[in-house]
Amino acid sequence: MDRLRRGDPAPDFSRDSVNMGRVSLGDYHGTNVLLLFSRYFGCPVCQLEFDELLEFRKTQPELRVVYLNQSLPESARAYIEGRSADFPVIAAEKSEGRYPLYDLYGVGGLGPVAAVEILFKGRRALRLGKRHGPYEGIETQSPAQFLIDGDGKIASAHYGLFKPEKLPTPQR
């Protein structure tokens, strides 16, 4: 499971989303796409990061977003209901104890730095009223974000917590 780097071709995939039908990464060719991997919606940190993504979208409405997580489809559908998710949310399928889409992008477990960051962000999430729900994914799963350019290449790869302020400005 090799990590992707800037300049690598973004692996194509096609999956059903819980809110916008079938999603194929290749359908976004010619546009910039932010591809986000999270853990699951029962996770308070993931809940907080989803809120941060919704806020970020207000500043980058032209940027296409595809969001993946490890929640069951019915849990993901219930969580995003009533929220302004104007992008596809994919409940990644598990196969033989693994999530193949995560493997495709080299998204593995939390490293030591991300593990510490997640503890601090978890405390912040709890202070903001986020509560732990069902455990549906891999608890030690690392989140990750990839900015994919219009040519289908990785323009930016970040393995760790969502930090919108660190994302490069997409080139048109």
N, C-alpha and C. Protein backbone atom coordinates (compact mmCIF):
# COMPACT_ATOMS: atom_id res chain seq x y z
N MET A 1 0.84 -1.18 0.00
CA MET A 1 0.00 0.00 0.00
C MET A 1 0.89 1.24 0.00
N ASP A 2 1.28 1.69 -1.15
CA ASP A 2 2.15 2.85 -1.28
C ASP A 2 1.35 4.13 -1.23
N ARG A 3 1.92 5.12 -0.58
CA ARG A 3 1.29 6.43 -0.53
C ARG A 3 1.45 7.12 -1.88
N LEU A 4 0.45 7.91 -2.22
CA LEU A 4 0.51 8.69 -3.46
C LEU A 4 1.21 10.01 -3.19
N ARG A 5 1.86 10.52 -4.22
CA ARG A 5 2.57 11.79 -4.11
C ARG A 5 2.13 12.73 -5.23
N ARG A 6 2.52 13.95 -5.07
CA ARG A 6 2.25 14.98 -6.08
C ARG A 6 2.78 14.49 -7.43
N GLY A 7 1.95 14.61 -8.46
CA GLY A 7 2.34 14.21 -9.81
C GLY A 7 1.90 12.80 -10.18
N ASP A 8 1.58 11.97 -9.18
CA ASP A 8 1.09 10.61 -9.48
C ASP A 8 -0.30 10.69 -10.10
N PRO A 9 -0.64 9.76 -10.99
CA PRO A 9 -2.01 9.71 -11.49
C PRO A 9 -2.95 9.29 -10.36
N ALA A 10 -4.09 9.95 -10.29
CA ALA A 10 -5.10 9.59 -9.27
C ALA A 10 -5.78 8.31 -9.72
N PRO A 11 -5.76 7.27 -8.90
CA PRO A 11 -6.43 6.02 -9.29
C PRO A 11 -7.93 6.25 -9.49
N ASP A 12 -8.42 5.75 -10.61
CA ASP A 12 -9.83 5.91 -10.93
C ASP A 12 -10.66 4.89 -10.15
N PHE A 13 -11.87 5.23 -9.86
CA PHE A 13 -12.81 4.31 -9.22
C PHE A 13 -14.23 4.74 -9.56
N SER A 14 -15.15 3.85 -9.36
CA SER A 14 -16.56 4.11 -9.57
C SER A 14 -17.32 3.43 -8.44
N ARG A 15 -18.11 4.21 -7.69
CA ARG A 15 -18.87 3.67 -6.55
C ARG A 15 -20.20 4.41 -6.44
N ASP A 16 -21.14 3.78 -5.76
CA ASP A 16 -22.41 4.44 -5.45
C ASP A 16 -22.23 5.33 -4.24
N SER A 17 -22.77 6.54 -4.32
CA SER A 17 -22.77 7.43 -3.16
C SER A 17 -24.11 7.25 -2.44
N VAL A 18 -24.20 7.75 -1.23
CA VAL A 18 -25.44 7.62 -0.47
C VAL A 18 -26.41 8.75 -0.79
N ASN A 19 -25.95 9.76 -1.54
CA ASN A 19 -26.80 10.92 -1.77
C ASN A 19 -26.85 11.42 -3.21
N MET A 20 -25.99 10.96 -4.10
CA MET A 20 -25.96 11.52 -5.45
C MET A 20 -25.76 10.46 -6.53
N GLY A 21 -26.12 9.24 -6.27
CA GLY A 21 -26.00 8.20 -7.29
C GLY A 21 -24.57 7.73 -7.48
N ARG A 22 -24.33 7.18 -8.66
CA ARG A 22 -23.02 6.60 -8.99
C ARG A 22 -22.00 7.71 -9.20
N VAL A 23 -20.82 7.51 -8.66
CA VAL A 23 -19.72 8.47 -8.77
C VAL A 23 -18.53 7.78 -9.40
N SER A 24 -18.03 8.35 -10.47
CA SER A 24 -16.80 7.87 -11.09
C SER A 24 -15.81 9.03 -11.09
N LEU A 25 -14.63 8.79 -10.57
CA LEU A 25 -13.65 9.86 -10.52
C LEU A 25 -13.35 10.39 -11.92
N GLY A 26 -13.35 9.50 -12.90
CA GLY A 26 -13.09 9.92 -14.27
C GLY A 26 -14.09 10.93 -14.81
N ASP A 27 -15.29 10.97 -14.23
CA ASP A 27 -16.30 11.94 -14.66
C ASP A 27 -15.89 13.38 -14.34
N TYR A 28 -14.93 13.53 -13.45
CA TYR A 28 -14.49 14.86 -13.03
C TYR A 28 -13.30 15.37 -13.84
N HIS A 29 -12.89 14.60 -14.85
CA HIS A 29 -11.75 15.01 -15.67
C HIS A 29 -11.97 16.42 -16.19
N GLY A 30 -10.94 17.25 -16.10
CA GLY A 30 -11.04 18.63 -16.55
C GLY A 30 -11.39 19.60 -15.42
N THR A 31 -11.64 19.08 -14.23
CA THR A 31 -11.94 19.92 -13.08
C THR A 31 -11.02 19.55 -11.92
N ASN A 32 -10.91 20.44 -10.96
CA ASN A 32 -10.17 20.14 -9.74
C ASN A 32 -11.11 19.45 -8.76
N VAL A 33 -10.61 18.41 -8.12
CA VAL A 33 -11.42 17.62 -7.19
C VAL A 33 -10.66 17.48 -5.88
N LEU A 34 -11.38 17.70 -4.79
CA LEU A 34 -10.85 17.41 -3.47
C LEU A 34 -11.45 16.08 -3.04
N LEU A 35 -10.61 15.08 -2.90
CA LEU A 35 -11.03 13.74 -2.50
C LEU A 35 -10.64 13.57 -1.03
N LEU A 36 -11.63 13.36 -0.17
CA LEU A 36 -11.38 13.24 1.27
C LEU A 36 -11.73 11.86 1.76
N PHE A 37 -10.86 11.31 2.58
CA PHE A 37 -11.08 10.03 3.24
C PHE A 37 -11.20 10.31 4.74
N SER A 38 -12.26 9.83 5.37
CA SER A 38 -12.39 9.99 6.81
C SER A 38 -12.60 8.61 7.43
N ARG A 39 -12.91 8.59 8.72
CA ARG A 39 -13.16 7.30 9.37
C ARG A 39 -14.65 6.98 9.26
N TYR A 40 -15.47 7.42 10.18
CA TYR A 40 -16.91 7.11 10.15
C TYR A 40 -17.64 8.20 10.92
N PHE A 41 -18.93 8.36 10.65
CA PHE A 41 -19.69 9.47 11.22
C PHE A 41 -19.99 9.33 12.70
N GLY A 42 -19.75 8.17 13.30
CA GLY A 42 -19.88 8.03 14.75
C GLY A 42 -18.73 8.68 15.49
N CYS A 43 -17.66 8.98 14.79
CA CYS A 43 -16.44 9.55 15.36
C CYS A 43 -16.63 11.07 15.55
N PRO A 44 -16.50 11.59 16.79
CA PRO A 44 -16.65 13.03 17.01
C PRO A 44 -15.67 13.88 16.19
N VAL A 45 -14.45 13.39 16.01
CA VAL A 45 -13.48 14.13 15.19
C VAL A 45 -13.96 14.19 13.75
N CYS A 46 -14.48 13.09 13.24
CA CYS A 46 -14.98 13.07 11.86
C CYS A 46 -16.20 13.98 11.71
N GLN A 47 -17.04 14.03 12.73
CA GLN A 47 -18.19 14.94 12.71
C GLN A 47 -17.71 16.39 12.62
N LEU A 48 -16.71 16.73 13.45
CA LEU A 48 -16.16 18.08 13.44
C LEU A 48 -15.52 18.39 12.09
N GLU A 49 -14.77 17.44 11.55
CA GLU A 49 -14.11 17.67 10.26
C GLU A 49 -15.13 17.80 9.13
N PHE A 50 -16.25 17.09 9.22
CA PHE A 50 -17.30 17.24 8.21
C PHE A 50 -17.87 18.67 8.28
N ASP A 51 -18.08 19.18 9.50
CA ASP A 51 -18.53 20.56 9.65
C ASP A 51 -17.51 21.54 9.07
N GLU A 52 -16.23 21.28 9.32
CA GLU A 52 -15.18 22.13 8.76
C GLU A 52 -15.18 22.08 7.24
N LEU A 53 -15.43 20.91 6.68
CA LEU A 53 -15.52 20.79 5.22
C LEU A 53 -16.68 21.61 4.69
N LEU A 54 -17.83 21.55 5.35
CA LEU A 54 -18.99 22.33 4.89
C LEU A 54 -18.68 23.82 4.93
N GLU A 55 -17.96 24.27 5.96
CA GLU A 55 -17.55 25.68 6.03
C GLU A 55 -16.55 26.01 4.92
N PHE A 56 -15.59 25.14 4.71
CA PHE A 56 -14.60 25.33 3.65
C PHE A 56 -15.27 25.45 2.29
N ARG A 57 -16.31 24.66 2.06
CA ARG A 57 -17.02 24.68 0.77
C ARG A 57 -17.58 26.06 0.46
N LYS A 58 -17.91 26.81 1.48
CA LYS A 58 -18.45 28.16 1.27
C LYS A 58 -17.40 29.08 0.66
N THR A 59 -16.12 28.79 0.91
CA THR A 59 -15.04 29.62 0.37
C THR A 59 -14.52 29.10 -0.97
N GLN A 60 -14.85 27.86 -1.31
CA GLN A 60 -14.36 27.23 -2.54
C GLN A 60 -15.51 26.53 -3.27
N PRO A 61 -16.58 27.24 -3.60
CA PRO A 61 -17.76 26.57 -4.19
C PRO A 61 -17.49 25.92 -5.54
N GLU A 62 -16.47 26.39 -6.25
CA GLU A 62 -16.17 25.82 -7.58
C GLU A 62 -15.39 24.51 -7.50
N LEU A 63 -14.80 24.24 -6.35
CA LEU A 63 -14.01 23.02 -6.18
C LEU A 63 -14.95 21.84 -6.00
N ARG A 64 -14.76 20.83 -6.82
CA ARG A 64 -15.57 19.61 -6.71
C ARG A 64 -15.05 18.80 -5.53
N VAL A 65 -15.94 18.15 -4.81
CA VAL A 65 -15.58 17.37 -3.63
C VAL A 65 -16.18 15.98 -3.74
N VAL A 66 -15.41 14.98 -3.36
CA VAL A 66 -15.90 13.61 -3.20
C VAL A 66 -15.43 13.17 -1.82
N TYR A 67 -16.38 12.71 -0.99
CA TYR A 67 -16.10 12.39 0.41
C TYR A 67 -16.33 10.90 0.65
N LEU A 68 -15.33 10.22 1.20
CA LEU A 68 -15.44 8.79 1.51
C LEU A 68 -15.31 8.57 3.00
N ASN A 69 -16.11 7.64 3.51
CA ASN A 69 -15.91 7.24 4.89
C ASN A 69 -16.32 5.79 5.09
N GLN A 70 -16.14 5.30 6.30
CA GLN A 70 -16.33 3.89 6.58
C GLN A 70 -17.65 3.60 7.30
N SER A 71 -18.55 4.56 7.34
CA SER A 71 -19.87 4.32 7.92
C SER A 71 -20.66 3.38 7.03
N LEU A 72 -21.62 2.70 7.61
CA LEU A 72 -22.57 1.92 6.82
C LEU A 72 -23.41 2.91 6.01
N PRO A 73 -23.87 2.52 4.82
CA PRO A 73 -24.63 3.46 3.98
C PRO A 73 -25.80 4.11 4.71
N GLU A 74 -26.56 3.35 5.49
CA GLU A 74 -27.72 3.93 6.18
C GLU A 74 -27.29 4.94 7.25
N SER A 75 -26.17 4.70 7.91
CA SER A 75 -25.65 5.65 8.91
C SER A 75 -25.17 6.93 8.24
N ALA A 76 -24.46 6.77 7.14
CA ALA A 76 -23.96 7.95 6.40
C ALA A 76 -25.13 8.78 5.89
N ARG A 77 -26.12 8.13 5.32
CA ARG A 77 -27.30 8.82 4.79
C ARG A 77 -28.01 9.59 5.91
N ALA A 78 -28.18 8.94 7.06
CA ALA A 78 -28.85 9.59 8.19
C ALA A 78 -28.03 10.77 8.71
N TYR A 79 -26.71 10.63 8.78
CA TYR A 79 -25.88 11.70 9.31
C TYR A 79 -25.91 12.94 8.42
N ILE A 80 -25.83 12.77 7.11
CA ILE A 80 -25.76 13.95 6.24
C ILE A 80 -27.12 14.55 5.94
N GLU A 81 -28.19 13.85 6.29
CA GLU A 81 -29.54 14.37 6.04
C GLU A 81 -29.71 15.72 6.74
N GLY A 82 -30.17 16.71 6.01
CA GLY A 82 -30.38 18.03 6.57
C GLY A 82 -29.13 18.90 6.60
N ARG A 83 -28.01 18.34 6.24
CA ARG A 83 -26.78 19.13 6.16
C ARG A 83 -26.61 19.55 4.71
N SER A 84 -25.82 20.54 4.47
CA SER A 84 -25.65 21.08 3.12
C SER A 84 -24.56 20.36 2.35
N ALA A 85 -24.67 19.06 2.24
CA ALA A 85 -23.66 18.28 1.51
C ALA A 85 -24.01 18.31 0.02
N ASP A 86 -23.40 19.24 -0.70
CA ASP A 86 -23.65 19.39 -2.13
C ASP A 86 -22.60 18.62 -2.94
N PHE A 87 -22.12 17.54 -2.35
CA PHE A 87 -21.10 16.70 -2.97
C PHE A 87 -21.43 15.25 -2.60
N PRO A 88 -20.94 14.30 -3.42
CA PRO A 88 -21.22 12.90 -3.12
C PRO A 88 -20.49 12.40 -1.88
N VAL A 89 -21.22 11.63 -1.08
CA VAL A 89 -20.67 10.98 0.10
C VAL A 89 -20.74 9.47 -0.15
N ILE A 90 -19.59 8.84 -0.12
CA ILE A 90 -19.49 7.41 -0.41
C ILE A 90 -19.20 6.65 0.87
N ALA A 91 -20.05 5.68 1.17
CA ALA A 91 -19.79 4.76 2.28
C ALA A 91 -18.95 3.63 1.69
N ALA A 92 -17.66 3.69 1.94
CA ALA A 92 -16.72 2.75 1.33
C ALA A 92 -17.03 1.31 1.75
N GLU A 93 -16.96 0.42 0.80
CA GLU A 93 -17.24 -0.99 1.09
C GLU A 93 -16.03 -1.67 1.72
N LYS A 94 -16.34 -2.56 2.64
CA LYS A 94 -15.31 -3.33 3.32
C LYS A 94 -15.24 -4.70 2.66
N SER A 95 -14.03 -5.19 2.46
CA SER A 95 -13.83 -6.51 1.88
C SER A 95 -12.70 -7.20 2.62
N GLU A 96 -13.01 -8.34 3.19
CA GLU A 96 -12.01 -9.12 3.93
C GLU A 96 -11.31 -8.29 5.01
N GLY A 97 -12.11 -7.48 5.72
CA GLY A 97 -11.58 -6.69 6.82
C GLY A 97 -10.85 -5.43 6.42
N ARG A 98 -10.84 -5.10 5.13
CA ARG A 98 -10.12 -3.92 4.62
C ARG A 98 -11.06 -3.07 3.79
N TYR A 99 -10.63 -1.87 3.53
CA TYR A 99 -11.37 -0.94 2.68
C TYR A 99 -10.56 -0.72 1.41
N PRO A 100 -10.90 -1.41 0.32
CA PRO A 100 -10.09 -1.35 -0.90
C PRO A 100 -9.83 0.05 -1.44
N LEU A 101 -10.81 0.97 -1.35
CA LEU A 101 -10.57 2.33 -1.84
C LEU A 101 -9.49 3.04 -1.02
N TYR A 102 -9.46 2.78 0.26
CA TYR A 102 -8.42 3.37 1.11
C TYR A 102 -7.06 2.80 0.72
N ASP A 103 -7.03 1.50 0.48
CA ASP A 103 -5.77 0.86 0.06
C ASP A 103 -5.31 1.41 -1.29
N LEU A 104 -6.26 1.64 -2.20
CA LEU A 104 -5.94 2.16 -3.53
C LEU A 104 -5.18 3.48 -3.46
N TYR A 105 -5.52 4.29 -2.44
CA TYR A 105 -4.89 5.60 -2.27
C TYR A 105 -3.80 5.60 -1.19
N GLY A 106 -3.48 4.42 -0.66
CA GLY A 106 -2.41 4.32 0.33
C GLY A 106 -2.76 4.92 1.67
N VAL A 107 -4.06 4.96 1.99
CA VAL A 107 -4.52 5.54 3.25
C VAL A 107 -4.57 4.43 4.30
N GLY A 108 -3.60 4.44 5.20
CA GLY A 108 -3.48 3.40 6.21
C GLY A 108 -3.85 3.88 7.60
N GLY A 109 -3.13 3.39 8.58
CA GLY A 109 -3.41 3.72 9.97
C GLY A 109 -2.82 5.05 10.39
N LEU A 110 -3.26 5.52 11.54
CA LEU A 110 -2.76 6.77 12.10
C LEU A 110 -1.28 6.64 12.47
N GLY A 111 -0.51 7.60 12.08
CA GLY A 111 0.88 7.67 12.54
C GLY A 111 0.91 8.34 13.90
N PRO A 112 2.08 8.40 14.54
CA PRO A 112 2.16 8.97 15.88
C PRO A 112 1.73 10.43 15.96
N VAL A 113 2.09 11.24 14.97
CA VAL A 113 1.72 12.65 14.98
C VAL A 113 0.20 12.79 14.85
N ALA A 114 -0.39 12.08 13.90
CA ALA A 114 -1.84 12.15 13.69
C ALA A 114 -2.59 11.61 14.91
N ALA A 115 -2.05 10.60 15.57
CA ALA A 115 -2.71 10.04 16.75
C ALA A 115 -2.79 11.09 17.86
N VAL A 116 -1.74 11.86 18.05
CA VAL A 116 -1.75 12.92 19.05
C VAL A 116 -2.71 14.03 18.62
N GLU A 117 -2.64 14.42 17.34
CA GLU A 117 -3.54 15.47 16.84
C GLU A 117 -5.00 15.08 17.01
N ILE A 118 -5.29 13.81 16.79
CA ILE A 118 -6.68 13.36 16.88
C ILE A 118 -7.19 13.43 18.33
N LEU A 119 -6.31 13.21 19.29
CA LEU A 119 -6.70 13.34 20.70
C LEU A 119 -7.08 14.79 21.02
N PHE A 120 -6.26 15.74 20.57
CA PHE A 120 -6.56 17.15 20.82
C PHE A 120 -7.83 17.59 20.09
N LYS A 121 -7.95 17.16 18.85
CA LYS A 121 -9.15 17.55 18.09
C LYS A 121 -10.39 16.87 18.67
N GLY A 122 -10.21 15.67 19.19
CA GLY A 122 -11.32 14.96 19.84
C GLY A 122 -11.82 15.72 21.06
N ARG A 123 -10.91 16.24 21.86
CA ARG A 123 -11.33 17.04 23.02
C ARG A 123 -12.09 18.28 22.57
N ARG A 124 -11.61 18.91 21.51
CA ARG A 124 -12.30 20.09 20.97
C ARG A 124 -13.69 19.70 20.47
N ALA A 125 -13.79 18.58 19.77
CA ALA A 125 -15.08 18.11 19.24
C ALA A 125 -16.06 17.87 20.38
N LEU A 126 -15.61 17.26 21.47
CA LEU A 126 -16.48 17.00 22.62
C LEU A 126 -16.93 18.30 23.28
N ARG A 127 -16.01 19.27 23.38
CA ARG A 127 -16.39 20.58 23.94
C ARG A 127 -17.45 21.27 23.07
N LEU A 128 -17.42 20.99 21.77
CA LEU A 128 -18.41 21.58 20.85
C LEU A 128 -19.70 20.78 20.77
N GLY A 129 -19.81 19.75 21.61
CA GLY A 129 -21.06 18.99 21.67
C GLY A 129 -21.15 17.76 20.79
N LYS A 130 -20.06 17.41 20.13
CA LYS A 130 -20.06 16.19 19.32
C LYS A 130 -20.01 14.99 20.27
N ARG A 131 -20.75 13.95 19.95
CA ARG A 131 -20.79 12.75 20.79
C ARG A 131 -20.51 11.51 19.95
N HIS A 132 -19.84 10.56 20.58
CA HIS A 132 -19.50 9.33 19.86
C HIS A 132 -20.76 8.52 19.59
N GLY A 133 -20.88 8.08 18.35
CA GLY A 133 -21.97 7.21 17.94
C GLY A 133 -21.44 5.81 17.69
N PRO A 134 -22.12 5.06 16.84
CA PRO A 134 -21.70 3.68 16.57
C PRO A 134 -20.29 3.60 15.99
N TYR A 135 -19.57 2.58 16.42
CA TYR A 135 -18.24 2.29 15.87
C TYR A 135 -18.48 1.48 14.60
N GLU A 136 -18.14 2.05 13.44
CA GLU A 136 -18.41 1.37 12.18
C GLU A 136 -17.18 1.19 11.31
N GLY A 137 -16.12 1.83 11.61
CA GLY A 137 -14.93 1.73 10.78
C GLY A 137 -13.75 1.26 11.59
N ILE A 138 -12.59 1.50 11.04
CA ILE A 138 -11.36 1.13 11.73
C ILE A 138 -10.96 2.31 12.62
N GLU A 139 -10.94 2.07 13.92
CA GLU A 139 -10.70 3.15 14.89
C GLU A 139 -9.34 3.82 14.69
N THR A 140 -8.36 3.08 14.23
CA THR A 140 -7.02 3.64 14.04
C THR A 140 -6.78 4.11 12.60
N GLN A 141 -7.84 4.22 11.82
CA GLN A 141 -7.75 4.65 10.42
C GLN A 141 -7.30 6.10 10.35
N SER A 142 -6.39 6.40 9.47
CA SER A 142 -5.99 7.78 9.23
C SER A 142 -6.93 8.41 8.22
N PRO A 143 -7.28 9.67 8.42
CA PRO A 143 -7.94 10.40 7.35
C PRO A 143 -6.89 10.83 6.31
N ALA A 144 -7.34 11.30 5.19
CA ALA A 144 -6.43 11.79 4.15
C ALA A 144 -7.20 12.68 3.18
N GLN A 145 -6.48 13.57 2.51
CA GLN A 145 -7.08 14.44 1.51
C GLN A 145 -6.16 14.52 0.30
N PHE A 146 -6.77 14.51 -0.86
CA PHE A 146 -6.05 14.60 -2.13
C PHE A 146 -6.70 15.67 -3.00
N LEU A 147 -5.89 16.60 -3.46
CA LEU A 147 -6.35 17.55 -4.46
C LEU A 147 -5.92 16.98 -5.81
N ILE A 148 -6.89 16.75 -6.67
CA ILE A 148 -6.63 16.15 -7.98
C ILE A 148 -6.88 17.22 -9.04
N ASP A 149 -5.91 17.41 -9.91
CA ASP A 149 -6.04 18.46 -10.92
C ASP A 149 -6.88 17.98 -12.11
N GLY A 150 -7.14 18.89 -13.03
CA GLY A 150 -7.97 18.60 -14.19
C GLY A 150 -7.44 17.53 -15.11
N ASP A 151 -6.14 17.23 -15.00
CA ASP A 151 -5.54 16.16 -15.80
C ASP A 151 -5.57 14.81 -15.09
N GLY A 152 -6.19 14.77 -13.90
CA GLY A 152 -6.28 13.51 -13.17
C GLY A 152 -5.02 13.16 -12.40
N LYS A 153 -4.20 14.17 -12.11
CA LYS A 153 -2.96 13.93 -11.36
C LYS A 153 -3.11 14.49 -9.95
N ILE A 154 -2.39 13.89 -9.02
CA ILE A 154 -2.39 14.35 -7.64
C ILE A 154 -1.62 15.68 -7.58
N ALA A 155 -2.33 16.75 -7.22
CA ALA A 155 -1.69 18.06 -7.05
C ALA A 155 -1.22 18.25 -5.62
N SER A 156 -1.88 17.54 -4.70
CA SER A 156 -1.52 17.62 -3.28
C SER A 156 -2.04 16.37 -2.60
N ALA A 157 -1.22 15.79 -1.73
CA ALA A 157 -1.62 14.61 -0.94
C ALA A 157 -1.28 14.89 0.51
N HIS A 158 -2.27 14.72 1.38
CA HIS A 158 -2.04 14.91 2.82
C HIS A 158 -2.66 13.72 3.55
N TYR A 159 -1.84 13.00 4.27
CA TYR A 159 -2.27 11.88 5.08
C TYR A 159 -2.35 12.36 6.52
N GLY A 160 -3.53 12.55 7.03
CA GLY A 160 -3.73 13.06 8.38
C GLY A 160 -5.03 13.83 8.47
N LEU A 161 -5.19 14.55 9.57
CA LEU A 161 -6.42 15.29 9.81
C LEU A 161 -6.64 16.37 8.76
N PHE A 162 -7.91 16.71 8.56
CA PHE A 162 -8.31 17.73 7.60
C PHE A 162 -7.87 19.10 8.10
N LYS A 163 -7.05 19.77 7.30
CA LYS A 163 -6.57 21.11 7.62
C LYS A 163 -6.79 21.98 6.38
N PRO A 164 -8.01 22.52 6.23
CA PRO A 164 -8.32 23.26 5.00
C PRO A 164 -7.37 24.42 4.73
N GLU A 165 -6.85 25.02 5.79
CA GLU A 165 -5.94 26.15 5.61
C GLU A 165 -4.63 25.73 4.97
N LYS A 166 -4.32 24.45 4.98
CA LYS A 166 -3.08 23.94 4.38
C LYS A 166 -3.27 23.49 2.93
N LEU A 167 -4.51 23.46 2.46
CA LEU A 167 -4.74 23.03 1.07
C LEU A 167 -4.24 24.08 0.09
N PRO A 168 -3.56 23.66 -0.95
CA PRO A 168 -3.13 24.64 -1.96
C PRO A 168 -4.35 25.17 -2.72
N THR A 169 -4.23 26.36 -3.23
CA THR A 169 -5.29 26.91 -4.05
C THR A 169 -5.29 26.16 -5.39
N PRO A 170 -6.44 25.59 -5.77
CA PRO A 170 -6.47 24.84 -7.02
C PRO A 170 -6.18 25.74 -8.22
N GLN A 171 -5.44 25.21 -9.17
CA GLN A 171 -5.15 25.93 -10.42
C GLN A 171 -6.34 25.72 -11.37
N ARG A 172 -6.66 26.72 -12.11
CA ARG A 172 -7.80 26.61 -13.05
C ARG A 172 -7.33 26.11 -14.37
